[in-house]
C-alpha atoms as a PDB file:
ATOM      1  CA  MET A   1      -0.059  -0.182   0.114  1.00  0.00           C
ATOM      2  CA  LEU A   2       2.791   2.344   0.898  1.00  0.00           C
ATOM      3  CA  LYS A   3       4.414   1.899  -2.597  1.00  0.00           C
ATOM      4  CA  GLN A   4       1.044   2.596  -4.218  1.00  0.00           C
ATOM      5  CA  ILE A   5       0.699   5.816  -2.279  1.00  0.00           C
ATOM      6  CA  ALA A   6       4.177   6.697  -3.242  1.00  0.00           C
ATOM      7  CA  ASN A   7       3.528   6.115  -6.785  1.00  0.00           C
ATOM      8  CA  ALA A   8       0.276   8.355  -6.892  1.00  0.00           C
ATOM      9  CA  ALA A   9       2.331  11.091  -4.961  1.00  0.00           C
ATOM     10  CA  LEU A  10       5.189  10.919  -7.449  1.00  0.00           C
ATOM     11  CA  PHE A  11       2.721  11.054 -10.277  1.00  0.00           C
ATOM     12  CA  GLN A  12       0.971  14.173  -8.879  1.00  0.00           C
ATOM     13  CA  ALA A  13       4.467  15.767  -8.540  1.00  0.00           C
ATOM     14  CA  GLY A  14       5.379  15.044 -12.239  1.00  0.00           C
ATOM     15  CA  TRP A  15       1.896  16.028 -13.091  1.00  0.00           C
ATOM     16  CA  PHE A  16       2.055  19.544 -11.720  1.00  0.00           C
ATOM     17  CA  ALA A  17       5.703  20.102 -12.728  1.00  0.00           C
ATOM     18  CA  CYS A  18       4.705  19.325 -16.382  1.00  0.00           C
ATOM     19  CA  VAL A  19       1.505  21.218 -16.394  1.00  0.00           C
ATOM     20  CA  ILE A  20       2.747  24.380 -14.367  1.00  0.00           C
ATOM     21  CA  GLY A  21       6.364  24.378 -15.566  1.00  0.00           C
ATOM     22  CA  GLY A  22       5.837  23.760 -19.464  1.00  0.00           C
ATOM     23  CA  ASP A  23       8.992  23.307 -21.443  1.00  0.00           C
ATOM     24  CA  SER A  24      11.243  24.787 -18.575  1.00  0.00           C
ATOM     25  CA  TYR A  25      13.570  23.238 -15.987  1.00  0.00           C
ATOM     26  CA  TRP A  26      10.617  21.970 -14.237  1.00  0.00           C
ATOM     27  CA  LEU A  27      10.708  19.248 -16.498  1.00  0.00           C
ATOM     28  CA  LEU A  28      13.594  17.775 -14.600  1.00  0.00           C
ATOM     29  CA  ILE A  29      11.190  17.157 -11.926  1.00  0.00           C
ATOM     30  CA  PRO A  30       9.153  14.435 -14.211  1.00  0.00           C
ATOM     31  CA  VAL A  31      12.435  12.975 -15.435  1.00  0.00           C
ATOM     32  CA  GLY A  32      13.332  12.354 -11.783  1.00  0.00           C
ATOM     33  CA  VAL A  33       9.926  10.779 -11.192  1.00  0.00           C
ATOM     34  CA  LEU A  34      10.601   8.566 -14.372  1.00  0.00           C
ATOM     35  CA  ILE A  35      14.233   7.723 -12.756  1.00  0.00           C
ATOM     36  CA  VAL A  36      13.107   6.998  -9.348  1.00  0.00           C
ATOM     37  CA  HIS A  37      10.241   4.690 -10.584  1.00  0.00           C
ATOM     38  CA  LEU A  38      12.563   2.506 -12.790  1.00  0.00           C
ATOM     39  CA  LEU A  39      14.902   2.409  -9.864  1.00  0.00           C
ATOM     40  CA  TRP A  40      12.184   1.310  -7.593  1.00  0.00           C
ATOM     41  CA  ILE A  41      10.634  -1.571  -9.782  1.00  0.00           C
ATOM     42  CA  SER A  42      11.952  -5.090 -10.329  1.00  0.00           C
ATOM     43  CA  SER A  43      11.697  -5.155 -13.965  1.00  0.00           C
ATOM     44  CA  TRP A  44      13.052  -2.412 -15.981  1.00  0.00           C
ATOM     45  CA  ALA A  45      12.665  -4.378 -19.533  1.00  0.00           C
ATOM     46  CA  ALA A  46       8.748  -4.667 -18.957  1.00  0.00           C
ATOM     47  CA  GLU A  47       8.212  -1.472 -17.537  1.00  0.00           C
ATOM     48  CA  GLY A  48      10.443   0.448 -19.788  1.00  0.00           C
ATOM     49  CA  LYS A  49       8.669  -0.935 -22.861  1.00  0.00           C
ATOM     50  CA  LEU A  50       5.464   0.038 -21.427  1.00  0.00           C
ATOM     51  CA  LEU A  51       6.457   3.584 -20.723  1.00  0.00           C
ATOM     52  CA  LEU A  52       7.934   4.098 -24.256  1.00  0.00           C
ATOM     53  CA  TRP A  53       4.943   2.414 -25.880  1.00  0.00           C
ATOM     54  CA  ILE A  54       2.389   4.612 -23.877  1.00  0.00           C
ATOM     55  CA  THR A  55       4.519   7.935 -24.447  1.00  0.00           C
ATOM     56  CA  GLY A  56       4.573   7.004 -28.264  1.00  0.00           C
ATOM     57  CA  LEU A  57       1.036   6.263 -28.660  1.00  0.00           C
ATOM     58  CA  GLY A  58      -0.077   9.209 -26.270  1.00  0.00           C
ATOM     59  CA  THR A  59       2.141  11.492 -28.325  1.00  0.00           C
ATOM     60  CA  LEU A  60       0.475  10.359 -31.609  1.00  0.00           C
ATOM     61  CA  LEU A  61      -2.871  10.692 -29.925  1.00  0.00           C
ATOM     62  CA  ASP A  62      -2.531  14.218 -28.494  1.00  0.00           C
ATOM     63  CA  SER A  63      -0.955  15.361 -31.832  1.00  0.00           C
ATOM     64  CA  ALA A  64      -3.766  14.215 -33.911  1.00  0.00           C
ATOM     65  CA  LEU A  65      -6.247  15.971 -31.316  1.00  0.00           C
ATOM     66  CA  LEU A  66      -3.930  18.895 -31.848  1.00  0.00           C
ATOM     67  CA  MET A  67      -4.018  18.851 -35.718  1.00  0.00           C
ATOM     68  CA  LEU A  68      -7.786  18.250 -35.522  1.00  0.00           C
ATOM     69  CA  GLY A  69      -8.210  21.277 -33.595  1.00  0.00           C
ATOM     70  CA  VAL A  70      -9.560  19.859 -30.333  1.00  0.00           C
ATOM     71  CA  PHE A  71      -6.826  21.869 -28.319  1.00  0.00           C
ATOM     72  CA  ASP A  72      -4.153  24.413 -29.184  1.00  0.00           C
ATOM     73  CA  PHE A  73      -0.691  25.290 -27.392  1.00  0.00           C
ATOM     74  CA  ASP A  74      -0.087  28.259 -29.404  1.00  0.00           C
ATOM     75  CA  ALA A  75       3.429  26.814 -30.180  1.00  0.00           C
ATOM     76  CA  GLY A  76       2.783  25.798 -33.623  1.00  0.00           C
ATOM     77  CA  GLY A  77       4.115  22.647 -35.110  1.00  0.00           C
ATOM     78  CA  PRO A  78       2.506  19.333 -35.811  1.00  0.00           C
ATOM     79  CA  LEU A  79       3.491  17.828 -32.351  1.00  0.00           C
ATOM     80  CA  ILE A  80       2.533  18.489 -28.880  1.00  0.00           C
ATOM     81  CA  PRO A  81       4.853  20.137 -26.461  1.00  0.00           C
ATOM     82  CA  LEU A  82       7.600  18.207 -24.648  1.00  0.00           C
ATOM     83  CA  TRP A  83       6.023  18.601 -21.101  1.00  0.00           C
ATOM     84  CA  LEU A  84       2.963  16.820 -22.502  1.00  0.00           C
ATOM     85  CA  MET A  85       4.860  13.948 -23.989  1.00  0.00           C
ATOM     86  CA  LEU A  86       6.816  13.525 -20.493  1.00  0.00           C
ATOM     87  CA  LEU A  87       3.090  13.694 -18.914  1.00  0.00           C
ATOM     88  CA  TRP A  88       2.381  10.424 -20.841  1.00  0.00           C
ATOM     89  CA  ALA A  89       5.446   8.831 -19.596  1.00  0.00           C
ATOM     90  CA  VAL A  90       4.591   9.683 -15.969  1.00  0.00           C
ATOM     91  CA  LEU A  91       0.974   8.443 -16.293  1.00  0.00           C
ATOM     92  CA  ALA A  92       2.394   5.235 -17.673  1.00  0.00           C
ATOM     93  CA  THR A  93       4.171   4.702 -14.289  1.00  0.00           C
ATOM     94  CA  THR A  94       0.849   4.400 -12.603  1.00  0.00           C
ATOM     95  CA  LEU A  95      -0.432   1.650 -14.692  1.00  0.00           C
ATOM     96  CA  ASN A  96       0.844  -1.541 -12.933  1.00  0.00           C
ATOM     97  CA  HIS A  97       0.989   0.322  -9.732  1.00  0.00           C
ATOM     98  CA  CYS A  98      -1.359   2.915  -8.070  1.00  0.00           C
ATOM     99  CA  LEU A  99      -4.173   2.486 -10.813  1.00  0.00           C
ATOM    100  CA  SER A 100      -3.642  -1.255 -11.440  1.00  0.00           C
ATOM    101  CA  TRP A 101      -7.224  -1.600  -9.600  1.00  0.00           C
ATOM    102  CA  THR A 102      -8.558  -0.110 -12.945  1.00  0.00           C
ATOM    103  CA  ALA A 103      -7.359  -3.341 -15.080  1.00  0.00           C
ATOM    104  CA  LYS A 104     -10.211  -5.627 -14.208  1.00  0.00           C
ATOM    105  CA  PRO A 105     -12.917  -5.539 -14.854  1.00  0.00           C
ATOM    106  CA  TRP A 106     -12.302  -3.155 -17.971  1.00  0.00           C
ATOM    107  CA  TRP A 107     -14.971  -0.826 -17.258  1.00  0.00           C
ATOM    108  CA  ARG A 108     -13.306   0.467 -14.328  1.00  0.00           C
ATOM    109  CA  ALA A 109     -10.487   1.808 -16.636  1.00  0.00           C
ATOM    110  CA  SER A 110     -13.215   2.843 -19.111  1.00  0.00           C
ATOM    111  CA  LEU A 111     -15.140   4.940 -16.363  1.00  0.00           C
ATOM    112  CA  LEU A 112     -11.790   6.306 -14.753  1.00  0.00           C
ATOM    113  CA  GLY A 113     -10.716   7.281 -18.349  1.00  0.00           C
ATOM    114  CA  ALA A 114     -14.073   8.887 -19.373  1.00  0.00           C
ATOM    115  CA  VAL A 115     -14.027  11.010 -16.200  1.00  0.00           C
ATOM    116  CA  GLY A 116     -10.202  11.633 -15.462  1.00  0.00           C
ATOM    117  CA  GLY A 117      -8.981  12.282 -18.794  1.00  0.00           C
ATOM    118  CA  PRO A 118     -11.229  15.150 -19.636  1.00  0.00           C
ATOM    119  CA  MET A 119     -10.791  16.460 -16.227  1.00  0.00           C
ATOM    120  CA  SER A 120      -6.997  16.515 -16.694  1.00  0.00           C
ATOM    121  CA  TYR A 121      -7.022  18.374 -19.885  1.00  0.00           C
ATOM    122  CA  TYR A 122      -9.413  20.916 -18.401  1.00  0.00           C
ATOM    123  CA  ALA A 123      -7.061  21.439 -15.583  1.00  0.00           C
ATOM    124  CA  GLY A 124      -4.272  21.762 -18.102  1.00  0.00           C
ATOM    125  CA  SER A 125      -6.334  24.431 -19.975  1.00  0.00           C
ATOM    126  CA  GLN A 126      -6.609  26.289 -16.714  1.00  0.00           C
ATOM    127  CA  LEU A 127      -3.022  25.868 -15.561  1.00  0.00           C
ATOM    128  CA  ALA A 128      -0.913  25.624 -18.644  1.00  0.00           C
ATOM    129  CA  GLY A 129      -2.879  27.795 -21.093  1.00  0.00           C
ATOM    130  CA  VAL A 130      -3.689  25.133 -23.333  1.00  0.00           C
ATOM    131  CA  HIS A 131      -6.594  26.370 -25.564  1.00  0.00           C
ATOM    132  CA  LEU A 132      -9.828  24.451 -26.291  1.00  0.00           C
ATOM    133  CA  PRO A 133     -10.942  25.911 -29.781  1.00  0.00           C
ATOM    134  CA  LEU A 134     -14.236  23.900 -29.874  1.00  0.00           C
ATOM    135  CA  GLY A 135     -15.338  25.168 -26.801  1.00  0.00           C
ATOM    136  CA  LEU A 136     -15.251  23.500 -23.150  1.00  0.00           C
ATOM    137  CA  TRP A 137     -18.281  21.173 -23.357  1.00  0.00           C
ATOM    138  CA  PRO A 138     -17.752  19.612 -26.741  1.00  0.00           C
ATOM    139  CA  SER A 139     -14.190  19.213 -25.956  1.00  0.00           C
ATOM    140  CA  MET A 140     -14.919  17.475 -22.583  1.00  0.00           C
ATOM    141  CA  LEU A 141     -17.375  15.355 -24.536  1.00  0.00           C
ATOM    142  CA  ILE A 142     -14.841  14.293 -27.342  1.00  0.00           C
ATOM    143  CA  LEU A 143     -12.160  13.520 -24.857  1.00  0.00           C
ATOM    144  CA  ALA A 144     -14.436  11.561 -22.466  1.00  0.00           C
ATOM    145  CA  VAL A 145     -15.444   9.262 -25.279  1.00  0.00           C
ATOM    146  CA  ILE A 146     -11.842   8.888 -26.574  1.00  0.00           C
ATOM    147  CA  TRP A 147     -10.581   8.359 -22.831  1.00  0.00           C
ATOM    148  CA  ALA A 148     -13.152   5.646 -22.313  1.00  0.00           C
ATOM    149  CA  VAL A 149     -11.335   3.793 -24.905  1.00  0.00           C
ATOM    150  CA  VAL A 150      -7.902   4.789 -24.565  1.00  0.00           C
ATOM    151  CA  PHE A 151      -7.409   4.057 -20.805  1.00  0.00           C
ATOM    152  CA  PRO A 152      -8.768   0.155 -21.049  1.00  0.00           C
ATOM    153  CA  LEU A 153      -6.304  -0.032 -24.102  1.00  0.00           C
ATOM    154  CA  MET A 154      -3.314   1.357 -21.779  1.00  0.00           C
ATOM    155  CA  GLN A 155      -4.266  -1.216 -19.163  1.00  0.00           C
ATOM    156  CA  TRP A 156      -4.155  -3.893 -21.704  1.00  0.00           C
ATOM    157  CA  LEU A 157      -0.753  -2.944 -22.501  1.00  0.00           C
ATOM    158  CA  ALA A 158       0.342  -2.860 -19.249  1.00  0.00           C
ATOM    159  CA  GLY A 159      -0.959  -6.470 -18.822  1.00  0.00           C
ATOM    160  CA  TYR A 160       0.805  -7.511 -22.018  1.00  0.00           C
ATOM    161  CA  PHE A 161       4.099  -6.219 -21.084  1.00  0.00           C
ATOM    162  CA  GLN A 162       3.666  -7.450 -17.324  1.00  0.00           C
ATOM    163  CA  ALA A 163       3.011 -10.985 -18.657  1.00  0.00           C
ATOM    164  CA  LEU A 164       5.983 -10.998 -20.585  1.00  0.00           C
ATOM    165  CA  ARG A 165       8.153 -10.529 -17.391  1.00  0.00           C
ATOM    166  CA  PRO A 166       9.782 -14.134 -16.781  1.00  0.00           C
ATOM    167  CA  ASP A 167       9.378 -13.677 -12.912  1.00  0.00           C
ATOM    168  CA  GLN A 168       5.606 -13.138 -13.050  1.00  0.00           C
ATOM    169  CA  PRO A 169       3.244 -15.950 -12.792  1.00  0.00           C
ATOM    170  CA  ARG A 170       0.784 -16.342 -16.236  1.00  0.00           C
ATOM    171  CA  GLY A 171      -1.977 -13.955 -15.452  1.00  0.00           C
ATOM    172  CA  HIS A 172      -0.635 -11.820 -12.611  1.00  0.00           C
ATOM    173  CA  ARG A 173      -0.380  -7.839 -12.389  1.00  0.00           C
ATOM    174  CA  SER A 174       1.026  -6.108  -9.760  1.00  0.00           C
ATOM    175  CA  GLY A 175      -1.634  -5.452  -7.149  1.00  0.00           C
ATOM    176  CA  ILE A 176      -4.175  -7.560  -8.980  1.00  0.00           C
ATOM    177  CA  PRO A 177      -4.550 -11.153  -7.347  1.00  0.00           C
ATOM    178  CA  HIS A 178      -5.073 -14.185  -9.694  1.00  0.00           C
ATOM    179  CA  GLU A 179      -8.414 -14.536 -11.111  1.00  0.00           C
END
């Protein structure tokens, strides 16, 4: 339980540093969060792959939403800012740990995604100056639908990489008993 609380606290520290700090020296905090996380866990290979996959897929998703005009960063360019890429990596650190309870049944991840995803973007719009050109409610609805699908997929990826670990019994996820 203490590790899950520490994981959640590190995620929050990384989230605030990314959102408030933008592309500045504040980004050293989420980098530190990622280093601490990787030093703390027992399997660098599986967790590292998960972090890279989630960061890459999240970058593609948010870059597509940027190009479609769901949000705007005033920075120009086809890719999201570095701070948002790092935010995806920091989010990935929670999947097998403090948010592992959302993996099964799948609807938990879907519900958390539908509520938490848009709330995070809303907070980002208020704290980081992210613009929502479509307006608040249309943007929140679009993001809720997307995150209701994306978060269960992220949990599936976490389970996939966890199952590849040689030290894990088949079907085991950190924090989730055998079913």
